[in-house]
Amino acid sequence: AEQIYADLKTENPALSLSTVYRNLNLLTE
């Protein structure tokens, strides 16, 4: 999740690590 966040953050400054985790959990579910 941290790698995903770091790679996407530069193009999407509003993205937060908690948003990444929340969406990963939903996509997994």
mmCIF file of all heavy atoms, coordinates in Angstrom:
data_MODEL
# 
_entry.id   MODEL 
# 
loop_
_atom_site.group_PDB 
_atom_site.id 
_atom_site.type_symbol 
_atom_site.label_atom_id 
_atom_site.label_alt_id 
_atom_site.label_comp_id 
_atom_site.label_asym_id 
_atom_site.label_entity_id 
_atom_site.label_seq_id 
_atom_site.pdbx_PDB_ins_code 
_atom_site.Cartn_x 
_atom_site.Cartn_y 
_atom_site.Cartn_z 
_atom_site.occupancy 
_atom_site.B_iso_or_equiv 
_atom_site.pdbx_formal_charge 
_atom_site.auth_seq_id 
_atom_site.auth_comp_id 
_atom_site.auth_asym_id 
_atom_site.auth_atom_id 
_atom_site.pdbx_PDB_model_num 
ATOM 1   N N   . ALA A 1 1  ? 0.837   -1.205 0.000   1.00 0.00 ? 1  ALA A N   1 
ATOM 2   C CA  . ALA A 1 1  ? 0.000   0.000  0.000   1.00 0.00 ? 1  ALA A CA  1 
ATOM 3   C C   . ALA A 1 1  ? 0.871   1.254  0.000   1.00 0.00 ? 1  ALA A C   1 
ATOM 4   O O   . ALA A 1 1  ? 0.568   2.233  -0.688  1.00 0.00 ? 1  ALA A O   1 
ATOM 5   C CB  . ALA A 1 1  ? -0.919  -0.006 1.217   1.00 0.00 ? 1  ALA A CB  1 
ATOM 6   N N   . GLU A 1 2  ? 1.967   1.203  0.735   1.00 0.00 ? 2  GLU A N   1 
ATOM 7   C CA  . GLU A 1 2  ? 2.865   2.353  0.805   1.00 0.00 ? 2  GLU A CA  1 
ATOM 8   C C   . GLU A 1 2  ? 3.525   2.630  -0.549  1.00 0.00 ? 2  GLU A C   1 
ATOM 9   O O   . GLU A 1 2  ? 3.703   3.788  -0.930  1.00 0.00 ? 2  GLU A O   1 
ATOM 10  C CB  . GLU A 1 2  ? 3.939   2.136  1.880   1.00 0.00 ? 2  GLU A CB  1 
ATOM 11  C CG  . GLU A 1 2  ? 3.413   2.167  3.305   1.00 0.00 ? 2  GLU A CG  1 
ATOM 12  C CD  . GLU A 1 2  ? 2.765   0.851  3.746   1.00 0.00 ? 2  GLU A CD  1 
ATOM 13  O OE1 . GLU A 1 2  ? 2.822   -0.166 2.999   1.00 0.00 ? 2  GLU A OE1 1 
ATOM 14  O OE2 . GLU A 1 2  ? 2.170   0.849  4.841   1.00 0.00 ? 2  GLU A OE2 1 
ATOM 15  N N   . GLN A 1 3  ? 3.869   1.577  -1.292  1.00 0.00 ? 3  GLN A N   1 
ATOM 16  C CA  . GLN A 1 3  ? 4.454   1.763  -2.619  1.00 0.00 ? 3  GLN A CA  1 
ATOM 17  C C   . GLN A 1 3  ? 3.433   2.349  -3.588  1.00 0.00 ? 3  GLN A C   1 
ATOM 18  O O   . GLN A 1 3  ? 3.756   3.226  -4.390  1.00 0.00 ? 3  GLN A O   1 
ATOM 19  C CB  . GLN A 1 3  ? 4.981   0.428  -3.162  1.00 0.00 ? 3  GLN A CB  1 
ATOM 20  C CG  . GLN A 1 3  ? 6.204   -0.076 -2.436  1.00 0.00 ? 3  GLN A CG  1 
ATOM 21  C CD  . GLN A 1 3  ? 6.531   -1.519 -2.788  1.00 0.00 ? 3  GLN A CD  1 
ATOM 22  O OE1 . GLN A 1 3  ? 5.651   -2.351 -3.010  1.00 0.00 ? 3  GLN A OE1 1 
ATOM 23  N NE2 . GLN A 1 3  ? 7.825   -1.818 -2.833  1.00 0.00 ? 3  GLN A NE2 1 
ATOM 24  N N   . ILE A 1 4  ? 2.211   1.865  -3.510  1.00 0.00 ? 4  ILE A N   1 
ATOM 25  C CA  . ILE A 1 4  ? 1.144   2.387  -4.358  1.00 0.00 ? 4  ILE A CA  1 
ATOM 26  C C   . ILE A 1 4  ? 0.946   3.869  -4.060  1.00 0.00 ? 4  ILE A C   1 
ATOM 27  O O   . ILE A 1 4  ? 0.883   4.700  -4.970  1.00 0.00 ? 4  ILE A O   1 
ATOM 28  C CB  . ILE A 1 4  ? -0.163  1.604  -4.146  1.00 0.00 ? 4  ILE A CB  1 
ATOM 29  C CG1 . ILE A 1 4  ? 0.009   0.153  -4.594  1.00 0.00 ? 4  ILE A CG1 1 
ATOM 30  C CG2 . ILE A 1 4  ? -1.328  2.273  -4.882  1.00 0.00 ? 4  ILE A CG2 1 
ATOM 31  C CD1 . ILE A 1 4  ? -1.105  -0.778 -4.158  1.00 0.00 ? 4  ILE A CD1 1 
ATOM 32  N N   . TYR A 1 5  ? 0.855   4.191  -2.796  1.00 0.00 ? 5  TYR A N   1 
ATOM 33  C CA  . TYR A 1 5  ? 0.672   5.584  -2.376  1.00 0.00 ? 5  TYR A CA  1 
ATOM 34  C C   . TYR A 1 5  ? 1.809   6.471  -2.893  1.00 0.00 ? 5  TYR A C   1 
ATOM 35  O O   . TYR A 1 5  ? 1.576   7.526  -3.480  1.00 0.00 ? 5  TYR A O   1 
ATOM 36  C CB  . TYR A 1 5  ? 0.574   5.660  -0.853  1.00 0.00 ? 5  TYR A CB  1 
ATOM 37  C CG  . TYR A 1 5  ? 0.626   7.052  -0.306  1.00 0.00 ? 5  TYR A CG  1 
ATOM 38  C CD1 . TYR A 1 5  ? -0.447  7.915  -0.470  1.00 0.00 ? 5  TYR A CD1 1 
ATOM 39  C CD2 . TYR A 1 5  ? 1.753   7.506  0.373   1.00 0.00 ? 5  TYR A CD2 1 
ATOM 40  C CE1 . TYR A 1 5  ? -0.401  9.206  0.034   1.00 0.00 ? 5  TYR A CE1 1 
ATOM 41  C CE2 . TYR A 1 5  ? 1.806   8.791  0.874   1.00 0.00 ? 5  TYR A CE2 1 
ATOM 42  C CZ  . TYR A 1 5  ? 0.729   9.646  0.704   1.00 0.00 ? 5  TYR A CZ  1 
ATOM 43  O OH  . TYR A 1 5  ? 0.781   10.923 1.194   1.00 0.00 ? 5  TYR A OH  1 
ATOM 44  N N   . ALA A 1 6  ? 3.044   6.041  -2.694  1.00 0.00 ? 6  ALA A N   1 
ATOM 45  C CA  . ALA A 1 6  ? 4.198   6.842  -3.121  1.00 0.00 ? 6  ALA A CA  1 
ATOM 46  C C   . ALA A 1 6  ? 4.210   7.057  -4.637  1.00 0.00 ? 6  ALA A C   1 
ATOM 47  O O   . ALA A 1 6  ? 4.504   8.161  -5.108  1.00 0.00 ? 6  ALA A O   1 
ATOM 48  C CB  . ALA A 1 6  ? 5.493   6.156  -2.679  1.00 0.00 ? 6  ALA A CB  1 
ATOM 49  N N   . ASP A 1 7  ? 3.863   6.029  -5.389  1.00 0.00 ? 7  ASP A N   1 
ATOM 50  C CA  . ASP A 1 7  ? 3.867   6.144  -6.850  1.00 0.00 ? 7  ASP A CA  1 
ATOM 51  C C   . ASP A 1 7  ? 2.738   7.026  -7.369  1.00 0.00 ? 7  ASP A C   1 
ATOM 52  O O   . ASP A 1 7  ? 2.906   7.730  -8.362  1.00 0.00 ? 7  ASP A O   1 
ATOM 53  C CB  . ASP A 1 7  ? 3.785   4.759  -7.500  1.00 0.00 ? 7  ASP A CB  1 
ATOM 54  C CG  . ASP A 1 7  ? 5.076   3.971  -7.352  1.00 0.00 ? 7  ASP A CG  1 
ATOM 55  O OD1 . ASP A 1 7  ? 6.109   4.564  -6.974  1.00 0.00 ? 7  ASP A OD1 1 
ATOM 56  O OD2 . ASP A 1 7  ? 5.051   2.752  -7.619  1.00 0.00 ? 7  ASP A OD2 1 
ATOM 57  N N   . LEU A 1 8  ? 1.594   6.991  -6.715  1.00 0.00 ? 8  LEU A N   1 
ATOM 58  C CA  . LEU A 1 8  ? 0.440   7.758  -7.190  1.00 0.00 ? 8  LEU A CA  1 
ATOM 59  C C   . LEU A 1 8  ? 0.369   9.173  -6.627  1.00 0.00 ? 8  LEU A C   1 
ATOM 60  O O   . LEU A 1 8  ? -0.273  10.049 -7.214  1.00 0.00 ? 8  LEU A O   1 
ATOM 61  C CB  . LEU A 1 8  ? -0.861  7.014  -6.863  1.00 0.00 ? 8  LEU A CB  1 
ATOM 62  C CG  . LEU A 1 8  ? -1.060  5.677  -7.560  1.00 0.00 ? 8  LEU A CG  1 
ATOM 63  C CD1 . LEU A 1 8  ? -2.351  5.019  -7.074  1.00 0.00 ? 8  LEU A CD1 1 
ATOM 64  C CD2 . LEU A 1 8  ? -1.082  5.853  -9.069  1.00 0.00 ? 8  LEU A CD2 1 
ATOM 65  N N   . LYS A 1 9  ? 1.021   9.419  -5.509  1.00 0.00 ? 9  LYS A N   1 
ATOM 66  C CA  . LYS A 1 9  ? 0.928   10.708 -4.819  1.00 0.00 ? 9  LYS A CA  1 
ATOM 67  C C   . LYS A 1 9  ? 1.447   11.860 -5.668  1.00 0.00 ? 9  LYS A C   1 
ATOM 68  O O   . LYS A 1 9  ? 0.889   12.958 -5.636  1.00 0.00 ? 9  LYS A O   1 
ATOM 69  C CB  . LYS A 1 9  ? 1.701   10.629 -3.493  1.00 0.00 ? 9  LYS A CB  1 
ATOM 70  C CG  . LYS A 1 9  ? 1.695   11.884 -2.680  1.00 0.00 ? 9  LYS A CG  1 
ATOM 71  C CD  . LYS A 1 9  ? 0.334   12.158 -2.118  1.00 0.00 ? 9  LYS A CD  1 
ATOM 72  C CE  . LYS A 1 9  ? 0.400   13.355 -1.173  1.00 0.00 ? 9  LYS A CE  1 
ATOM 73  N NZ  . LYS A 1 9  ? -0.903  13.830 -0.790  1.00 0.00 ? 9  LYS A NZ  1 
ATOM 74  N N   . THR A 1 10 ? 2.510   11.660 -6.439  1.00 0.00 ? 10 THR A N   1 
ATOM 75  C CA  . THR A 1 10 ? 3.096   12.755 -7.224  1.00 0.00 ? 10 THR A CA  1 
ATOM 76  C C   . THR A 1 10 ? 2.105   13.297 -8.250  1.00 0.00 ? 10 THR A C   1 
ATOM 77  O O   . THR A 1 10 ? 2.041   14.504 -8.468  1.00 0.00 ? 10 THR A O   1 
ATOM 78  C CB  . THR A 1 10 ? 4.383   12.291 -7.943  1.00 0.00 ? 10 THR A CB  1 
ATOM 79  O OG1 . THR A 1 10 ? 4.079   11.136 -8.726  1.00 0.00 ? 10 THR A OG1 1 
ATOM 80  C CG2 . THR A 1 10 ? 5.467   11.970 -6.942  1.00 0.00 ? 10 THR A CG2 1 
ATOM 81  N N   . GLU A 1 11 ? 1.332   12.419 -8.875  1.00 0.00 ? 11 GLU A N   1 
ATOM 82  C CA  . GLU A 1 11 ? 0.344   12.856 -9.862  1.00 0.00 ? 11 GLU A CA  1 
ATOM 83  C C   . GLU A 1 11 ? -0.990  13.231 -9.226  1.00 0.00 ? 11 GLU A C   1 
ATOM 84  O O   . GLU A 1 11 ? -1.809  13.887 -9.873  1.00 0.00 ? 11 GLU A O   1 
ATOM 85  C CB  . GLU A 1 11 ? 0.098   11.744 -10.883 1.00 0.00 ? 11 GLU A CB  1 
ATOM 86  C CG  . GLU A 1 11 ? 1.309   11.411 -11.730 1.00 0.00 ? 11 GLU A CG  1 
ATOM 87  C CD  . GLU A 1 11 ? 1.029   10.259 -12.677 1.00 0.00 ? 11 GLU A CD  1 
ATOM 88  O OE1 . GLU A 1 11 ? -0.141  10.060 -13.065 1.00 0.00 ? 11 GLU A OE1 1 
ATOM 89  O OE2 . GLU A 1 11 ? 1.989   9.547  -13.015 1.00 0.00 ? 11 GLU A OE2 1 
ATOM 90  N N   . ASN A 1 12 ? -1.208  12.808 -7.989  1.00 0.00 ? 12 ASN A N   1 
ATOM 91  C CA  . ASN A 1 12 ? -2.485  13.031 -7.305  1.00 0.00 ? 12 ASN A CA  1 
ATOM 92  C C   . ASN A 1 12 ? -2.230  13.522 -5.891  1.00 0.00 ? 12 ASN A C   1 
ATOM 93  O O   . ASN A 1 12 ? -2.367  12.756 -4.937  1.00 0.00 ? 12 ASN A O   1 
ATOM 94  C CB  . ASN A 1 12 ? -3.285  11.726 -7.279  1.00 0.00 ? 12 ASN A CB  1 
ATOM 95  C CG  . ASN A 1 12 ? -3.498  11.182 -8.660  1.00 0.00 ? 12 ASN A CG  1 
ATOM 96  O OD1 . ASN A 1 12 ? -4.402  11.620 -9.346  1.00 0.00 ? 12 ASN A OD1 1 
ATOM 97  N ND2 . ASN A 1 12 ? -2.646  10.266 -9.097  1.00 0.00 ? 12 ASN A ND2 1 
ATOM 98  N N   . PRO A 1 13 ? -1.875  14.785 -5.736  1.00 0.00 ? 13 PRO A N   1 
ATOM 99  C CA  . PRO A 1 13 ? -1.495  15.316 -4.419  1.00 0.00 ? 13 PRO A CA  1 
ATOM 100 C C   . PRO A 1 13 ? -2.578  15.202 -3.350  1.00 0.00 ? 13 PRO A C   1 
ATOM 101 O O   . PRO A 1 13 ? -2.266  15.164 -2.162  1.00 0.00 ? 13 PRO A O   1 
ATOM 102 C CB  . PRO A 1 13 ? -1.171  16.780 -4.695  1.00 0.00 ? 13 PRO A CB  1 
ATOM 103 C CG  . PRO A 1 13 ? -1.164  16.955 -6.160  1.00 0.00 ? 13 PRO A CG  1 
ATOM 104 C CD  . PRO A 1 13 ? -1.792  15.768 -6.786  1.00 0.00 ? 13 PRO A CD  1 
ATOM 105 N N   . ALA A 1 14 ? -3.842  15.118 -3.743  1.00 0.00 ? 14 ALA A N   1 
ATOM 106 C CA  . ALA A 1 14 ? -4.917  15.014 -2.755  1.00 0.00 ? 14 ALA A CA  1 
ATOM 107 C C   . ALA A 1 14 ? -5.072  13.596 -2.197  1.00 0.00 ? 14 ALA A C   1 
ATOM 108 O O   . ALA A 1 14 ? -5.787  13.385 -1.224  1.00 0.00 ? 14 ALA A O   1 
ATOM 109 C CB  . ALA A 1 14 ? -6.243  15.468 -3.384  1.00 0.00 ? 14 ALA A CB  1 
ATOM 110 N N   . LEU A 1 15 ? -4.389  12.637 -2.788  1.00 0.00 ? 15 LEU A N   1 
ATOM 111 C CA  . LEU A 1 15 ? -4.482  11.245 -2.351  1.00 0.00 ? 15 LEU A CA  1 
ATOM 112 C C   . LEU A 1 15 ? -3.819  11.072 -0.988  1.00 0.00 ? 15 LEU A C   1 
ATOM 113 O O   . LEU A 1 15 ? -2.733  11.581 -0.751  1.00 0.00 ? 15 LEU A O   1 
ATOM 114 C CB  . LEU A 1 15 ? -3.800  10.338 -3.381  1.00 0.00 ? 15 LEU A CB  1 
ATOM 115 C CG  . LEU A 1 15 ? -3.914  8.838  -3.170  1.00 0.00 ? 15 LEU A CG  1 
ATOM 116 C CD1 . LEU A 1 15 ? -5.364  8.380  -3.380  1.00 0.00 ? 15 LEU A CD1 1 
ATOM 117 C CD2 . LEU A 1 15 ? -2.983  8.108  -4.123  1.00 0.00 ? 15 LEU A CD2 1 
ATOM 118 N N   . SER A 1 16 ? -4.486  10.337 -0.102  1.00 0.00 ? 16 SER A N   1 
ATOM 119 C CA  . SER A 1 16 ? -3.906  10.059 1.215   1.00 0.00 ? 16 SER A CA  1 
ATOM 120 C C   . SER A 1 16 ? -3.645  8.565  1.355   1.00 0.00 ? 16 SER A C   1 
ATOM 121 O O   . SER A 1 16 ? -4.259  7.750  0.665   1.00 0.00 ? 16 SER A O   1 
ATOM 122 C CB  . SER A 1 16 ? -4.843  10.530 2.332   1.00 0.00 ? 16 SER A CB  1 
ATOM 123 O OG  . SER A 1 16 ? -5.982  9.696  2.388   1.00 0.00 ? 16 SER A OG  1 
ATOM 124 N N   . LEU A 1 17 ? -2.754  8.222  2.267   1.00 0.00 ? 17 LEU A N   1 
ATOM 125 C CA  . LEU A 1 17 ? -2.446  6.819  2.512   1.00 0.00 ? 17 LEU A CA  1 
ATOM 126 C C   . LEU A 1 17 ? -3.677  6.086  3.037   1.00 0.00 ? 17 LEU A C   1 
ATOM 127 O O   . LEU A 1 17 ? -3.931  4.935  2.654   1.00 0.00 ? 17 LEU A O   1 
ATOM 128 C CB  . LEU A 1 17 ? -1.273  6.686  3.491   1.00 0.00 ? 17 LEU A CB  1 
ATOM 129 C CG  . LEU A 1 17 ? -0.791  5.272  3.787   1.00 0.00 ? 17 LEU A CG  1 
ATOM 130 C CD1 . LEU A 1 17 ? -0.381  4.545  2.510   1.00 0.00 ? 17 LEU A CD1 1 
ATOM 131 C CD2 . LEU A 1 17 ? 0.375   5.308  4.767   1.00 0.00 ? 17 LEU A CD2 1 
ATOM 132 N N   . SER A 1 18 ? -4.474  6.730  3.867   1.00 0.00 ? 18 SER A N   1 
ATOM 133 C CA  . SER A 1 18 ? -5.689  6.080  4.381   1.00 0.00 ? 18 SER A CA  1 
ATOM 134 C C   . SER A 1 18 ? -6.682  5.802  3.253   1.00 0.00 ? 18 SER A C   1 
ATOM 135 O O   . SER A 1 18 ? -7.378  4.780  3.273   1.00 0.00 ? 18 SER A O   1 
ATOM 136 C CB  . SER A 1 18 ? -6.336  6.917  5.486   1.00 0.00 ? 18 SER A CB  1 
ATOM 137 O OG  . SER A 1 18 ? -6.761  8.160  4.987   1.00 0.00 ? 18 SER A OG  1 
ATOM 138 N N   . THR A 1 19 ? -6.744  6.673  2.241   1.00 0.00 ? 19 THR A N   1 
ATOM 139 C CA  . THR A 1 19 ? -7.609  6.439  1.082   1.00 0.00 ? 19 THR A CA  1 
ATOM 140 C C   . THR A 1 19 ? -7.127  5.220  0.309   1.00 0.00 ? 19 THR A C   1 
ATOM 141 O O   . THR A 1 19 ? -7.934  4.398  -0.147  1.00 0.00 ? 19 THR A O   1 
ATOM 142 C CB  . THR A 1 19 ? -7.631  7.677  0.163   1.00 0.00 ? 19 THR A CB  1 
ATOM 143 O OG1 . THR A 1 19 ? -8.182  8.770  0.894   1.00 0.00 ? 19 THR A OG1 1 
ATOM 144 C CG2 . THR A 1 19 ? -8.451  7.437  -1.085  1.00 0.00 ? 19 THR A CG2 1 
ATOM 145 N N   . VAL A 1 20 ? -5.821  5.073  0.162   1.00 0.00 ? 20 VAL A N   1 
ATOM 146 C CA  . VAL A 1 20 ? -5.259  3.914  -0.524  1.00 0.00 ? 20 VAL A CA  1 
ATOM 147 C C   . VAL A 1 20 ? -5.640  2.646  0.232   1.00 0.00 ? 20 VAL A C   1 
ATOM 148 O O   . VAL A 1 20 ? -6.147  1.683  -0.362  1.00 0.00 ? 20 VAL A O   1 
ATOM 149 C CB  . VAL A 1 20 ? -3.729  4.036  -0.683  1.00 0.00 ? 20 VAL A CB  1 
ATOM 150 C CG1 . VAL A 1 20 ? -3.121  2.739  -1.200  1.00 0.00 ? 20 VAL A CG1 1 
ATOM 151 C CG2 . VAL A 1 20 ? -3.377  5.201  -1.611  1.00 0.00 ? 20 VAL A CG2 1 
ATOM 152 N N   . TYR A 1 21 ? -5.415  2.616  1.534   1.00 0.00 ? 21 TYR A N   1 
ATOM 153 C CA  . TYR A 1 21 ? -5.762  1.435  2.334   1.00 0.00 ? 21 TYR A CA  1 
ATOM 154 C C   . TYR A 1 21 ? -7.258  1.124  2.254   1.00 0.00 ? 21 TYR A C   1 
ATOM 155 O O   . TYR A 1 21 ? -7.647  -0.033 2.087   1.00 0.00 ? 21 TYR A O   1 
ATOM 156 C CB  . TYR A 1 21 ? -5.362  1.624  3.800   1.00 0.00 ? 21 TYR A CB  1 
ATOM 157 C CG  . TYR A 1 21 ? -3.955  1.223  4.101   1.00 0.00 ? 21 TYR A CG  1 
ATOM 158 C CD1 . TYR A 1 21 ? -2.985  2.180  4.398   1.00 0.00 ? 21 TYR A CD1 1 
ATOM 159 C CD2 . TYR A 1 21 ? -3.578  -0.117 4.106   1.00 0.00 ? 21 TYR A CD2 1 
ATOM 160 C CE1 . TYR A 1 21 ? -1.679  1.814  4.680   1.00 0.00 ? 21 TYR A CE1 1 
ATOM 161 C CE2 . TYR A 1 21 ? -2.273  -0.494 4.394   1.00 0.00 ? 21 TYR A CE2 1 
ATOM 162 C CZ  . TYR A 1 21 ? -1.337  0.478  4.680   1.00 0.00 ? 21 TYR A CZ  1 
ATOM 163 O OH  . TYR A 1 21 ? -0.041  0.103  4.958   1.00 0.00 ? 21 TYR A OH  1 
ATOM 164 N N   . ARG A 1 22 ? -8.096  2.126  2.396   1.00 0.00 ? 22 ARG A N   1 
ATOM 165 C CA  . ARG A 1 22 ? -9.541  1.923  2.363   1.00 0.00 ? 22 ARG A CA  1 
ATOM 166 C C   . ARG A 1 22 ? -9.977  1.311  1.024   1.00 0.00 ? 22 ARG A C   1 
ATOM 167 O O   . ARG A 1 22 ? -10.752 0.358  0.986   1.00 0.00 ? 22 ARG A O   1 
ATOM 168 C CB  . ARG A 1 22 ? -10.269 3.246  2.615   1.00 0.00 ? 22 ARG A CB  1 
ATOM 169 C CG  . ARG A 1 22 ? -11.765 3.138  2.692   1.00 0.00 ? 22 ARG A CG  1 
ATOM 170 C CD  . ARG A 1 22 ? -12.466 4.432  3.131   1.00 0.00 ? 22 ARG A CD  1 
ATOM 171 N NE  . ARG A 1 22 ? -12.056 5.627  2.390   1.00 0.00 ? 22 ARG A NE  1 
ATOM 172 C CZ  . ARG A 1 22 ? -11.172 6.541  2.835   1.00 0.00 ? 22 ARG A CZ  1 
ATOM 173 N NH1 . ARG A 1 22 ? -10.625 6.408  4.022   1.00 0.00 ? 22 ARG A NH1 1 
ATOM 174 N NH2 . ARG A 1 22 ? -10.866 7.590  2.100   1.00 0.00 ? 22 ARG A NH2 1 
ATOM 175 N N   . ASN A 1 23 ? -9.436  1.841  -0.067  1.00 0.00 ? 23 ASN A N   1 
ATOM 176 C CA  . ASN A 1 23 ? -9.816  1.326  -1.384  1.00 0.00 ? 23 ASN A CA  1 
ATOM 177 C C   . ASN A 1 23 ? -9.226  -0.051 -1.656  1.00 0.00 ? 23 ASN A C   1 
ATOM 178 O O   . ASN A 1 23 ? -9.875  -0.885 -2.299  1.00 0.00 ? 23 ASN A O   1 
ATOM 179 C CB  . ASN A 1 23 ? -9.434  2.328  -2.470  1.00 0.00 ? 23 ASN A CB  1 
ATOM 180 C CG  . ASN A 1 23 ? -10.428 3.460  -2.536  1.00 0.00 ? 23 ASN A CG  1 
ATOM 181 O OD1 . ASN A 1 23 ? -11.551 3.274  -2.972  1.00 0.00 ? 23 ASN A OD1 1 
ATOM 182 N ND2 . ASN A 1 23 ? -10.034 4.636  -2.070  1.00 0.00 ? 23 ASN A ND2 1 
ATOM 183 N N   . LEU A 1 24 ? -8.025  -0.314 -1.187  1.00 0.00 ? 24 LEU A N   1 
ATOM 184 C CA  . LEU A 1 24 ? -7.459  -1.659 -1.326  1.00 0.00 ? 24 LEU A CA  1 
ATOM 185 C C   . LEU A 1 24 ? -8.310  -2.674 -0.581  1.00 0.00 ? 24 LEU A C   1 
ATOM 186 O O   . LEU A 1 24 ? -8.567  -3.772 -1.079  1.00 0.00 ? 24 LEU A O   1 
ATOM 187 C CB  . LEU A 1 24 ? -6.012  -1.691 -0.823  1.00 0.00 ? 24 LEU A CB  1 
ATOM 188 C CG  . LEU A 1 24 ? -4.986  -0.991 -1.696  1.00 0.00 ? 24 LEU A CG  1 
ATOM 189 C CD1 . LEU A 1 24 ? -3.644  -0.902 -0.981  1.00 0.00 ? 24 LEU A CD1 1 
ATOM 190 C CD2 . LEU A 1 24 ? -4.831  -1.691 -3.038  1.00 0.00 ? 24 LEU A CD2 1 
ATOM 191 N N   . ASN A 1 25 ? -8.765  -2.318 0.612   1.00 0.00 ? 25 ASN A N   1 
ATOM 192 C CA  . ASN A 1 25 ? -9.623  -3.215 1.387   1.00 0.00 ? 25 ASN A CA  1 
ATOM 193 C C   . ASN A 1 25 ? -10.945 -3.473 0.669   1.00 0.00 ? 25 ASN A C   1 
ATOM 194 O O   . ASN A 1 25 ? -11.420 -4.611 0.622   1.00 0.00 ? 25 ASN A O   1 
ATOM 195 C CB  . ASN A 1 25 ? -9.874  -2.659 2.786   1.00 0.00 ? 25 ASN A CB  1 
ATOM 196 C CG  . ASN A 1 25 ? -8.656  -2.770 3.672   1.00 0.00 ? 25 ASN A CG  1 
ATOM 197 O OD1 . ASN A 1 25 ? -7.799  -3.623 3.469   1.00 0.00 ? 25 ASN A OD1 1 
ATOM 198 N ND2 . ASN A 1 25 ? -8.556  -1.893 4.651   1.00 0.00 ? 25 ASN A ND2 1 
ATOM 199 N N   . LEU A 1 26 ? -11.540 -2.434 0.095   1.00 0.00 ? 26 LEU A N   1 
ATOM 200 C CA  . LEU A 1 26 ? -12.793 -2.608 -0.644  1.00 0.00 ? 26 LEU A CA  1 
ATOM 201 C C   . LEU A 1 26 ? -12.597 -3.475 -1.889  1.00 0.00 ? 26 LEU A C   1 
ATOM 202 O O   . LEU A 1 26 ? -13.390 -4.383 -2.150  1.00 0.00 ? 26 LEU A O   1 
ATOM 203 C CB  . LEU A 1 26 ? -13.352 -1.243 -1.070  1.00 0.00 ? 26 LEU A CB  1 
ATOM 204 C CG  . LEU A 1 26 ? -14.159 -0.486 -0.036  1.00 0.00 ? 26 LEU A CG  1 
ATOM 205 C CD1 . LEU A 1 26 ? -14.484 0.919  -0.542  1.00 0.00 ? 26 LEU A CD1 1 
ATOM 206 C CD2 . LEU A 1 26 ? -15.439 -1.236 0.290   1.00 0.00 ? 26 LEU A CD2 1 
ATOM 207 N N   . LEU A 1 27 ? -11.551 -3.189 -2.656  1.00 0.00 ? 27 LEU A N   1 
ATOM 208 C CA  . LEU A 1 27 ? -11.281 -3.963 -3.868  1.00 0.00 ? 27 LEU A CA  1 
ATOM 209 C C   . LEU A 1 27 ? -11.007 -5.428 -3.542  1.00 0.00 ? 27 LEU A C   1 
ATOM 210 O O   . LEU A 1 27 ? -11.418 -6.325 -4.274  1.00 0.00 ? 27 LEU A O   1 
ATOM 211 C CB  . LEU A 1 27 ? -10.119 -3.346 -4.642  1.00 0.00 ? 27 LEU A CB  1 
ATOM 212 C CG  . LEU A 1 27 ? -10.407 -1.996 -5.305  1.00 0.00 ? 27 LEU A CG  1 
ATOM 213 C CD1 . LEU A 1 27 ? -9.114  -1.330 -5.760  1.00 0.00 ? 27 LEU A CD1 1 
ATOM 214 C CD2 . LEU A 1 27 ? -11.377 -2.166 -6.466  1.00 0.00 ? 27 LEU A CD2 1 
ATOM 215 N N   . THR A 1 28 ? -10.344 -5.666 -2.411  1.00 0.00 ? 28 THR A N   1 
ATOM 216 C CA  . THR A 1 28 ? -10.090 -7.039 -1.966  1.00 0.00 ? 28 THR A CA  1 
ATOM 217 C C   . THR A 1 28 ? -11.392 -7.706 -1.542  1.00 0.00 ? 28 THR A C   1 
ATOM 218 O O   . THR A 1 28 ? -11.670 -8.847 -1.920  1.00 0.00 ? 28 THR A O   1 
ATOM 219 C CB  . THR A 1 28 ? -9.080  -7.050 -0.798  1.00 0.00 ? 28 THR A CB  1 
ATOM 220 O OG1 . THR A 1 28 ? -7.858  -6.446 -1.227  1.00 0.00 ? 28 THR A OG1 1 
ATOM 221 C CG2 . THR A 1 28 ? -8.803  -8.462 -0.325  1.00 0.00 ? 28 THR A CG2 1 
ATOM 222 N N   . GLU A 1 29 ? -12.185 -7.001 -0.770  1.00 0.00 ? 29 GLU A N   1 
ATOM 223 C CA  . GLU A 1 29 ? -13.470 -7.527 -0.291  1.00 0.00 ? 29 GLU A CA  1 
ATOM 224 C C   . GLU A 1 29 ? -14.384 -7.919 -1.453  1.00 0.00 ? 29 GLU A C   1 
ATOM 225 O O   . GLU A 1 29 ? -15.073 -8.944 -1.399  1.00 0.00 ? 29 GLU A O   1 
ATOM 226 C CB  . GLU A 1 29 ? -14.161 -6.470 0.569   1.00 0.00 ? 29 GLU A CB  1 
ATOM 227 C CG  . GLU A 1 29 ? -15.499 -6.866 1.119   1.00 0.00 ? 29 GLU A CG  1 
ATOM 228 C CD  . GLU A 1 29 ? -16.142 -5.747 1.911   1.00 0.00 ? 29 GLU A CD  1 
ATOM 229 O OE1 . GLU A 1 29 ? -15.415 -4.970 2.558   1.00 0.00 ? 29 GLU A OE1 1 
ATOM 230 O OE2 . GLU A 1 29 ? -17.387 -5.649 1.874   1.00 0.00 ? 29 GLU A OE2 1 
# 
